[in-house]
């Protein structure tokens, strides 16, 4: 009896130790780092990501499985917003852990759905197959506390230099807010183009912040001009008026 208990304790300890080692070895791409490259099959053919979309903004959406209700609703919303992202110069890519045959059937099924009283939408972005979880692991979509694919629910915004600029993670039961994803893209593009900072709850066209620090003298001088598009709230919050 004691020997059996001892063996059980050793097995539990070994499994815990192995789990800890796996956690310590896992790597996650961080903001500002290069987006991990991969070659995989998709509904639009073989994809070499992100190289196929060099010099473009890219958004990578990951999903744990095909034919799931929340993920299906997200892709239907994404299909409805394709033109908006096209105008922003953004390429959309969806990764799911199922095989390519399932992807093709799932896409065919989704393109026949009348969602929110909208006409059925054609899906022009690729659905990438990741049955071996290679992409999911390279992007840190599988979290250490999970032993299955339940955590494959990430969004990665990647700039034209193939640097990761924003990451979102969502739980299984909560659909992603594509409006916030689009707002983040516009905010990043605005910040890069104008060399400004984006304040909280900013929407396109709102005022933006100038990079900190700005001297009190410089801020005051800009704010005194009647035709100036600058103003200040205090010595460290210097704004530039947005386009109206």
C-alpha atoms as a PDB file:
ATOM      1  CA  UNK A   1       0.000   0.000   0.000  1.00  0.00           C
ATOM      2  CA  UNK A   2       2.756   2.441   0.992  1.00  0.00           C
ATOM      3  CA  UNK A   3       4.677   1.560  -2.174  1.00  0.00           C
ATOM      4  CA  UNK A   4       1.612   2.341  -4.306  1.00  0.00           C
ATOM      5  CA  UNK A   5       1.133   5.704  -2.608  1.00  0.00           C
ATOM      6  CA  UNK A   6       4.822   6.505  -3.055  1.00  0.00           C
ATOM      7  CA  UNK A   7       4.665   5.679  -6.775  1.00  0.00           C
ATOM      8  CA  UNK A   8       1.576   7.887  -7.143  1.00  0.00           C
ATOM      9  CA  UNK A   9       3.345  10.794  -5.424  1.00  0.00           C
ATOM     10  CA  UNK A  10       6.389  10.392  -7.670  1.00  0.00           C
ATOM     11  CA  UNK A  11       4.201  10.359 -10.788  1.00  0.00           C
ATOM     12  CA  UNK A  12       2.352  13.493  -9.706  1.00  0.00           C
ATOM     13  CA  UNK A  13       5.618  15.248  -8.869  1.00  0.00           C
ATOM     14  CA  UNK A  14       7.149  14.226 -12.208  1.00  0.00           C
ATOM     15  CA  UNK A  15       4.122  15.485 -14.129  1.00  0.00           C
ATOM     16  CA  UNK A  16       4.216  18.787 -12.211  1.00  0.00           C
ATOM     17  CA  UNK A  17       7.943  19.172 -12.868  1.00  0.00           C
ATOM     18  CA  UNK A  18       7.477  18.427 -16.574  1.00  0.00           C
ATOM     19  CA  UNK A  19       4.670  20.964 -16.733  1.00  0.00           C
ATOM     20  CA  UNK A  20       6.869  23.611 -15.103  1.00  0.00           C
ATOM     21  CA  UNK A  21       9.674  22.894 -17.565  1.00  0.00           C
ATOM     22  CA  UNK A  22       7.268  23.233 -20.497  1.00  0.00           C
ATOM     23  CA  UNK A  23       6.073  26.579 -19.137  1.00  0.00           C
ATOM     24  CA  UNK A  24       9.625  27.873 -18.754  1.00  0.00           C
ATOM     25  CA  UNK A  25      10.450  26.850 -22.324  1.00  0.00           C
ATOM     26  CA  UNK A  26       7.419  28.490 -23.916  1.00  0.00           C
ATOM     27  CA  UNK A  27       8.051  31.753 -25.694  1.00  0.00           C
ATOM     28  CA  UNK A  28       5.586  34.425 -26.693  1.00  0.00           C
ATOM     29  CA  UNK A  29       6.050  37.110 -29.340  1.00  0.00           C
ATOM     30  CA  UNK A  30       6.084  40.511 -27.675  1.00  0.00           C
ATOM     31  CA  UNK A  31       5.089  43.958 -28.900  1.00  0.00           C
ATOM     32  CA  UNK A  32       7.737  45.360 -31.228  1.00  0.00           C
ATOM     33  CA  UNK A  33       9.158  41.935 -32.079  1.00  0.00           C
ATOM     34  CA  UNK A  34       9.139  40.296 -35.491  1.00  0.00           C
ATOM     35  CA  UNK A  35       5.982  38.381 -36.316  1.00  0.00           C
ATOM     36  CA  UNK A  36       6.830  34.648 -36.436  1.00  0.00           C
ATOM     37  CA  UNK A  37       6.929  33.349 -40.009  1.00  0.00           C
ATOM     38  CA  UNK A  38       5.077  30.254 -41.161  1.00  0.00           C
ATOM     39  CA  UNK A  39       4.212  28.402 -44.348  1.00  0.00           C
ATOM     40  CA  UNK A  40       0.818  26.692 -44.293  1.00  0.00           C
ATOM     41  CA  UNK A  41      -2.092  25.662 -46.476  1.00  0.00           C
ATOM     42  CA  UNK A  42      -5.111  27.935 -46.674  1.00  0.00           C
ATOM     43  CA  UNK A  43      -8.356  28.316 -48.567  1.00  0.00           C
ATOM     44  CA  UNK A  44      -6.434  30.625 -50.934  1.00  0.00           C
ATOM     45  CA  UNK A  45      -3.542  28.205 -51.442  1.00  0.00           C
ATOM     46  CA  UNK A  46      -0.146  27.911 -49.785  1.00  0.00           C
ATOM     47  CA  UNK A  47       0.600  30.925 -47.602  1.00  0.00           C
ATOM     48  CA  UNK A  48       4.005  32.283 -46.617  1.00  0.00           C
ATOM     49  CA  UNK A  49       3.214  34.610 -43.729  1.00  0.00           C
ATOM     50  CA  UNK A  50       3.961  37.451 -43.198  1.00  0.00           C
ATOM     51  CA  UNK A  51       6.203  37.684 -46.262  1.00  0.00           C
ATOM     52  CA  UNK A  52       3.275  37.348 -48.701  1.00  0.00           C
ATOM     53  CA  UNK A  53       1.948  40.633 -47.322  1.00  0.00           C
ATOM     54  CA  UNK A  54       5.167  42.611 -46.986  1.00  0.00           C
ATOM     55  CA  UNK A  55       4.750  46.391 -46.747  1.00  0.00           C
ATOM     56  CA  UNK A  56       1.121  45.913 -45.694  1.00  0.00           C
ATOM     57  CA  UNK A  57      -0.609  46.088 -42.344  1.00  0.00           C
ATOM     58  CA  UNK A  58      -1.812  42.634 -41.329  1.00  0.00           C
ATOM     59  CA  UNK A  59      -4.232  41.239 -38.752  1.00  0.00           C
ATOM     60  CA  UNK A  60      -3.971  37.604 -37.713  1.00  0.00           C
ATOM     61  CA  UNK A  61      -7.100  36.155 -36.089  1.00  0.00           C
ATOM     62  CA  UNK A  62      -6.820  32.735 -34.447  1.00  0.00           C
ATOM     63  CA  UNK A  63      -9.591  30.230 -33.714  1.00  0.00           C
ATOM     64  CA  UNK A  64      -9.709  26.931 -31.778  1.00  0.00           C
ATOM     65  CA  UNK A  65     -11.964  25.040 -34.199  1.00  0.00           C
ATOM     66  CA  UNK A  66     -14.250  25.320 -37.220  1.00  0.00           C
ATOM     67  CA  UNK A  67     -18.049  25.332 -36.963  1.00  0.00           C
ATOM     68  CA  UNK A  68     -18.043  26.957 -33.523  1.00  0.00           C
ATOM     69  CA  UNK A  69     -20.821  29.539 -32.916  1.00  0.00           C
ATOM     70  CA  UNK A  70     -18.810  32.449 -31.480  1.00  0.00           C
ATOM     71  CA  UNK A  71     -16.005  32.120 -34.019  1.00  0.00           C
ATOM     72  CA  UNK A  72     -18.501  31.867 -36.859  1.00  0.00           C
ATOM     73  CA  UNK A  73     -20.190  35.092 -35.749  1.00  0.00           C
ATOM     74  CA  UNK A  74     -16.789  36.822 -35.666  1.00  0.00           C
ATOM     75  CA  UNK A  75     -15.854  35.727 -39.172  1.00  0.00           C
ATOM     76  CA  UNK A  76     -19.251  36.833 -40.489  1.00  0.00           C
ATOM     77  CA  UNK A  77     -18.618  40.262 -38.945  1.00  0.00           C
ATOM     78  CA  UNK A  78     -15.117  40.257 -40.413  1.00  0.00           C
ATOM     79  CA  UNK A  79     -16.499  39.413 -43.850  1.00  0.00           C
ATOM     80  CA  UNK A  80     -18.944  42.322 -43.577  1.00  0.00           C
ATOM     81  CA  UNK A  81     -16.061  44.673 -42.676  1.00  0.00           C
ATOM     82  CA  UNK A  82     -13.658  43.552 -45.427  1.00  0.00           C
ATOM     83  CA  UNK A  83     -14.059  46.754 -47.460  1.00  0.00           C
ATOM     84  CA  UNK A  84     -13.348  48.912 -44.406  1.00  0.00           C
ATOM     85  CA  UNK A  85     -10.086  47.079 -43.764  1.00  0.00           C
ATOM     86  CA  UNK A  86      -9.220  47.204 -47.476  1.00  0.00           C
ATOM     87  CA  UNK A  87      -9.471  51.005 -47.360  1.00  0.00           C
ATOM     88  CA  UNK A  88      -7.004  50.999 -44.476  1.00  0.00           C
ATOM     89  CA  UNK A  89      -4.565  48.862 -46.478  1.00  0.00           C
ATOM     90  CA  UNK A  90      -4.980  45.939 -44.086  1.00  0.00           C
ATOM     91  CA  UNK A  91      -4.739  42.257 -45.016  1.00  0.00           C
ATOM     92  CA  UNK A  92      -6.828  39.827 -42.953  1.00  0.00           C
ATOM     93  CA  UNK A  93      -5.731  36.277 -42.138  1.00  0.00           C
ATOM     94  CA  UNK A  94      -7.673  33.710 -40.091  1.00  0.00           C
ATOM     95  CA  UNK A  95      -5.951  30.681 -38.529  1.00  0.00           C
ATOM     96  CA  UNK A  96      -7.869  27.685 -37.201  1.00  0.00           C
ATOM     97  CA  UNK A  97      -6.491  24.401 -35.894  1.00  0.00           C
ATOM     98  CA  UNK A  98      -8.768  22.279 -38.108  1.00  0.00           C
ATOM     99  CA  UNK A  99      -7.684  20.820 -41.440  1.00  0.00           C
ATOM    100  CA  UNK A 100      -8.088  22.458 -44.825  1.00  0.00           C
ATOM    101  CA  UNK A 101     -11.053  20.304 -45.859  1.00  0.00           C
ATOM    102  CA  UNK A 102     -12.987  21.506 -42.806  1.00  0.00           C
ATOM    103  CA  UNK A 103     -12.016  25.097 -43.593  1.00  0.00           C
ATOM    104  CA  UNK A 104     -13.442  24.795 -47.110  1.00  0.00           C
ATOM    105  CA  UNK A 105     -16.729  23.349 -45.824  1.00  0.00           C
ATOM    106  CA  UNK A 106     -16.921  25.942 -43.037  1.00  0.00           C
ATOM    107  CA  UNK A 107     -16.371  28.806 -45.473  1.00  0.00           C
ATOM    108  CA  UNK A 108     -18.987  27.432 -47.852  1.00  0.00           C
ATOM    109  CA  UNK A 109     -21.435  27.171 -44.964  1.00  0.00           C
ATOM    110  CA  UNK A 110     -20.730  30.692 -43.671  1.00  0.00           C
ATOM    111  CA  UNK A 111     -21.128  32.245 -47.110  1.00  0.00           C
ATOM    112  CA  UNK A 112     -24.732  31.003 -47.156  1.00  0.00           C
ATOM    113  CA  UNK A 113     -25.705  32.523 -43.781  1.00  0.00           C
ATOM    114  CA  UNK A 114     -27.891  35.630 -43.626  1.00  0.00           C
ATOM    115  CA  UNK A 115     -26.519  37.193 -40.443  1.00  0.00           C
ATOM    116  CA  UNK A 116     -28.141  40.253 -38.814  1.00  0.00           C
ATOM    117  CA  UNK A 117     -30.436  40.607 -41.843  1.00  0.00           C
ATOM    118  CA  UNK A 118     -27.424  41.177 -44.083  1.00  0.00           C
ATOM    119  CA  UNK A 119     -27.099  39.488 -47.432  1.00  0.00           C
ATOM    120  CA  UNK A 120     -24.725  36.500 -47.314  1.00  0.00           C
ATOM    121  CA  UNK A 121     -21.119  37.676 -47.527  1.00  0.00           C
ATOM    122  CA  UNK A 122     -18.326  36.237 -49.644  1.00  0.00           C
ATOM    123  CA  UNK A 123     -15.124  35.617 -47.681  1.00  0.00           C
ATOM    124  CA  UNK A 124     -12.088  36.900 -49.558  1.00  0.00           C
ATOM    125  CA  UNK A 125      -9.472  36.480 -46.824  1.00  0.00           C
ATOM    126  CA  UNK A 126      -7.681  33.147 -46.259  1.00  0.00           C
ATOM    127  CA  UNK A 127      -8.558  30.562 -43.631  1.00  0.00           C
ATOM    128  CA  UNK A 128      -5.232  28.958 -42.696  1.00  0.00           C
ATOM    129  CA  UNK A 129      -4.994  25.356 -41.493  1.00  0.00           C
ATOM    130  CA  UNK A 130      -2.961  24.618 -38.335  1.00  0.00           C
ATOM    131  CA  UNK A 131      -3.793  21.008 -37.354  1.00  0.00           C
ATOM    132  CA  UNK A 132      -0.444  20.424 -35.633  1.00  0.00           C
ATOM    133  CA  UNK A 133      -0.716  23.646 -33.584  1.00  0.00           C
ATOM    134  CA  UNK A 134       2.623  24.839 -34.947  1.00  0.00           C
ATOM    135  CA  UNK A 135       1.374  28.370 -35.634  1.00  0.00           C
ATOM    136  CA  UNK A 136      -0.591  28.468 -32.385  1.00  0.00           C
ATOM    137  CA  UNK A 137       2.529  27.617 -30.379  1.00  0.00           C
ATOM    138  CA  UNK A 138       4.818  30.034 -32.241  1.00  0.00           C
ATOM    139  CA  UNK A 139       2.414  32.883 -31.531  1.00  0.00           C
ATOM    140  CA  UNK A 140       1.809  31.891 -27.902  1.00  0.00           C
ATOM    141  CA  UNK A 141      -1.862  31.136 -28.518  1.00  0.00           C
ATOM    142  CA  UNK A 142      -1.730  28.022 -26.323  1.00  0.00           C
ATOM    143  CA  UNK A 143      -1.404  29.184 -22.736  1.00  0.00           C
ATOM    144  CA  UNK A 144       0.666  27.117 -20.258  1.00  0.00           C
ATOM    145  CA  UNK A 145      -2.329  26.276 -18.042  1.00  0.00           C
ATOM    146  CA  UNK A 146      -4.241  24.739 -20.937  1.00  0.00           C
ATOM    147  CA  UNK A 147      -3.746  21.242 -22.316  1.00  0.00           C
ATOM    148  CA  UNK A 148      -5.978  21.666 -25.361  1.00  0.00           C
ATOM    149  CA  UNK A 149      -6.849  24.332 -27.929  1.00  0.00           C
ATOM    150  CA  UNK A 150      -9.330  26.316 -25.845  1.00  0.00           C
ATOM    151  CA  UNK A 151      -6.977  29.295 -25.607  1.00  0.00           C
ATOM    152  CA  UNK A 152      -6.448  29.742 -29.351  1.00  0.00           C
ATOM    153  CA  UNK A 153      -8.360  33.031 -29.399  1.00  0.00           C
ATOM    154  CA  UNK A 154      -5.837  35.739 -30.219  1.00  0.00           C
ATOM    155  CA  UNK A 155      -5.647  38.805 -32.451  1.00  0.00           C
ATOM    156  CA  UNK A 156      -2.259  40.056 -33.656  1.00  0.00           C
ATOM    157  CA  UNK A 157      -1.862  43.401 -35.430  1.00  0.00           C
ATOM    158  CA  UNK A 158       1.317  43.468 -37.516  1.00  0.00           C
ATOM    159  CA  UNK A 159       2.739  46.529 -39.268  1.00  0.00           C
ATOM    160  CA  UNK A 160       4.351  46.843 -42.742  1.00  0.00           C
ATOM    161  CA  UNK A 161       7.768  46.106 -41.219  1.00  0.00           C
ATOM    162  CA  UNK A 162       6.344  42.805 -39.895  1.00  0.00           C
ATOM    163  CA  UNK A 163       6.560  43.979 -36.284  1.00  0.00           C
ATOM    164  CA  UNK A 164       3.825  43.016 -33.831  1.00  0.00           C
ATOM    165  CA  UNK A 165       2.140  46.234 -32.707  1.00  0.00           C
ATOM    166  CA  UNK A 166      -0.879  45.035 -30.702  1.00  0.00           C
ATOM    167  CA  UNK A 167      -2.152  41.765 -29.220  1.00  0.00           C
ATOM    168  CA  UNK A 168      -5.617  40.896 -27.920  1.00  0.00           C
ATOM    169  CA  UNK A 169      -6.720  37.682 -26.192  1.00  0.00           C
ATOM    170  CA  UNK A 170     -10.360  36.699 -25.779  1.00  0.00           C
ATOM    171  CA  UNK A 171     -12.051  33.875 -23.833  1.00  0.00           C
ATOM    172  CA  UNK A 172     -14.019  31.164 -25.612  1.00  0.00           C
ATOM    173  CA  UNK A 173     -17.455  32.531 -24.746  1.00  0.00           C
ATOM    174  CA  UNK A 174     -16.926  36.216 -25.632  1.00  0.00           C
ATOM    175  CA  UNK A 175     -16.906  37.422 -29.232  1.00  0.00           C
ATOM    176  CA  UNK A 176     -14.238  39.834 -30.351  1.00  0.00           C
ATOM    177  CA  UNK A 177     -15.066  43.503 -30.860  1.00  0.00           C
ATOM    178  CA  UNK A 178     -14.017  44.166 -34.445  1.00  0.00           C
ATOM    179  CA  UNK A 179     -14.787  47.840 -33.998  1.00  0.00           C
ATOM    180  CA  UNK A 180     -12.026  48.029 -31.398  1.00  0.00           C
ATOM    181  CA  UNK A 181      -9.646  46.108 -33.652  1.00  0.00           C
ATOM    182  CA  UNK A 182     -10.326  48.574 -36.483  1.00  0.00           C
ATOM    183  CA  UNK A 183      -9.998  51.545 -34.102  1.00  0.00           C
ATOM    184  CA  UNK A 184      -6.615  50.232 -32.956  1.00  0.00           C
ATOM    185  CA  UNK A 185      -5.400  49.945 -36.543  1.00  0.00           C
ATOM    186  CA  UNK A 186      -6.475  53.532 -37.307  1.00  0.00           C
ATOM    187  CA  UNK A 187      -4.882  54.725 -34.052  1.00  0.00           C
ATOM    188  CA  UNK A 188      -1.576  53.017 -34.858  1.00  0.00           C
ATOM    189  CA  UNK A 189      -1.549  54.406 -38.387  1.00  0.00           C
ATOM    190  CA  UNK A 190      -2.375  57.889 -37.103  1.00  0.00           C
ATOM    191  CA  UNK A 191       0.309  57.736 -34.409  1.00  0.00           C
ATOM    192  CA  UNK A 192       2.924  56.583 -36.926  1.00  0.00           C
ATOM    193  CA  UNK A 193       2.029  59.072 -39.643  1.00  0.00           C
ATOM    194  CA  UNK A 194       1.667  62.146 -37.431  1.00  0.00           C
ATOM    195  CA  UNK A 195       4.191  61.140 -34.752  1.00  0.00           C
ATOM    196  CA  UNK A 196       1.630  61.697 -32.014  1.00  0.00           C
ATOM    197  CA  UNK A 197       0.187  59.866 -29.013  1.00  0.00           C
ATOM    198  CA  UNK A 198      -3.377  58.544 -28.869  1.00  0.00           C
ATOM    199  CA  UNK A 199      -5.433  59.428 -25.761  1.00  0.00           C
ATOM    200  CA  UNK A 200      -7.920  57.158 -24.021  1.00  0.00           C
ATOM    201  CA  UNK A 201     -11.250  56.481 -25.761  1.00  0.00           C
ATOM    202  CA  UNK A 202      -9.892  58.164 -28.898  1.00  0.00           C
ATOM    203  CA  UNK A 203     -11.914  57.862 -32.080  1.00  0.00           C
ATOM    204  CA  UNK A 204     -10.764  58.782 -35.596  1.00  0.00           C
ATOM    205  CA  UNK A 205     -10.932  62.565 -35.953  1.00  0.00           C
ATOM    206  CA  UNK A 206     -10.534  63.255 -32.236  1.00  0.00           C
ATOM    207  CA  UNK A 207      -7.727  65.382 -30.845  1.00  0.00           C
ATOM    208  CA  UNK A 208      -4.372  63.693 -30.270  1.00  0.00           C
ATOM    209  CA  UNK A 209      -1.560  64.214 -27.791  1.00  0.00           C
ATOM    210  CA  UNK A 210       1.880  65.486 -28.724  1.00  0.00           C
ATOM    211  CA  UNK A 211       4.820  63.396 -27.547  1.00  0.00           C
ATOM    212  CA  UNK A 212       5.867  63.978 -23.950  1.00  0.00           C
ATOM    213  CA  UNK A 213       7.696  65.985 -22.776  1.00  0.00           C
ATOM    214  CA  UNK A 214       6.890  69.357 -24.311  1.00  0.00           C
ATOM    215  CA  UNK A 215       8.309  72.394 -22.586  1.00  0.00           C
ATOM    216  CA  UNK A 216       5.898  74.832 -20.963  1.00  0.00           C
ATOM    217  CA  UNK A 217       7.293  77.631 -23.116  1.00  0.00           C
ATOM    218  CA  UNK A 218       6.745  75.735 -26.363  1.00  0.00           C
ATOM    219  CA  UNK A 219       3.247  74.638 -25.369  1.00  0.00           C
ATOM    220  CA  UNK A 220       2.242  78.122 -24.289  1.00  0.00           C
ATOM    221  CA  UNK A 221       3.613  79.719 -27.449  1.00  0.00           C
ATOM    222  CA  UNK A 222       1.641  77.339 -29.665  1.00  0.00           C
ATOM    223  CA  UNK A 223      -1.577  77.759 -27.694  1.00  0.00           C
ATOM    224  CA  UNK A 224      -1.502  81.596 -27.890  1.00  0.00           C
ATOM    225  CA  UNK A 225      -1.934  81.699 -31.656  1.00  0.00           C
ATOM    226  CA  UNK A 226      -5.620  82.045 -32.558  1.00  0.00           C
ATOM    227  CA  UNK A 227      -5.181  79.929 -35.667  1.00  0.00           C
ATOM    228  CA  UNK A 228      -3.139  77.315 -33.868  1.00  0.00           C
ATOM    229  CA  UNK A 229      -4.310  73.717 -33.869  1.00  0.00           C
ATOM    230  CA  UNK A 230      -2.490  73.155 -30.563  1.00  0.00           C
ATOM    231  CA  UNK A 231      -3.687  73.630 -26.982  1.00  0.00           C
ATOM    232  CA  UNK A 232      -2.672  72.506 -23.529  1.00  0.00           C
ATOM    233  CA  UNK A 233      -4.476  71.375 -20.391  1.00  0.00           C
ATOM    234  CA  UNK A 234      -1.387  71.486 -18.211  1.00  0.00           C
ATOM    235  CA  UNK A 235       2.373  71.354 -18.606  1.00  0.00           C
ATOM    236  CA  UNK A 236       2.445  67.679 -19.618  1.00  0.00           C
ATOM    237  CA  UNK A 237      -0.770  67.384 -21.685  1.00  0.00           C
ATOM    238  CA  UNK A 238      -0.294  69.154 -24.994  1.00  0.00           C
ATOM    239  CA  UNK A 239      -2.918  68.417 -27.653  1.00  0.00           C
ATOM    240  CA  UNK A 240      -3.186  68.784 -31.395  1.00  0.00           C
ATOM    241  CA  UNK A 241      -6.656  69.222 -32.824  1.00  0.00           C
ATOM    242  CA  UNK A 242      -7.918  66.353 -34.927  1.00  0.00           C
ATOM    243  CA  UNK A 243      -9.255  66.528 -38.459  1.00  0.00           C
ATOM    244  CA  UNK A 244     -12.964  67.345 -38.496  1.00  0.00           C
END
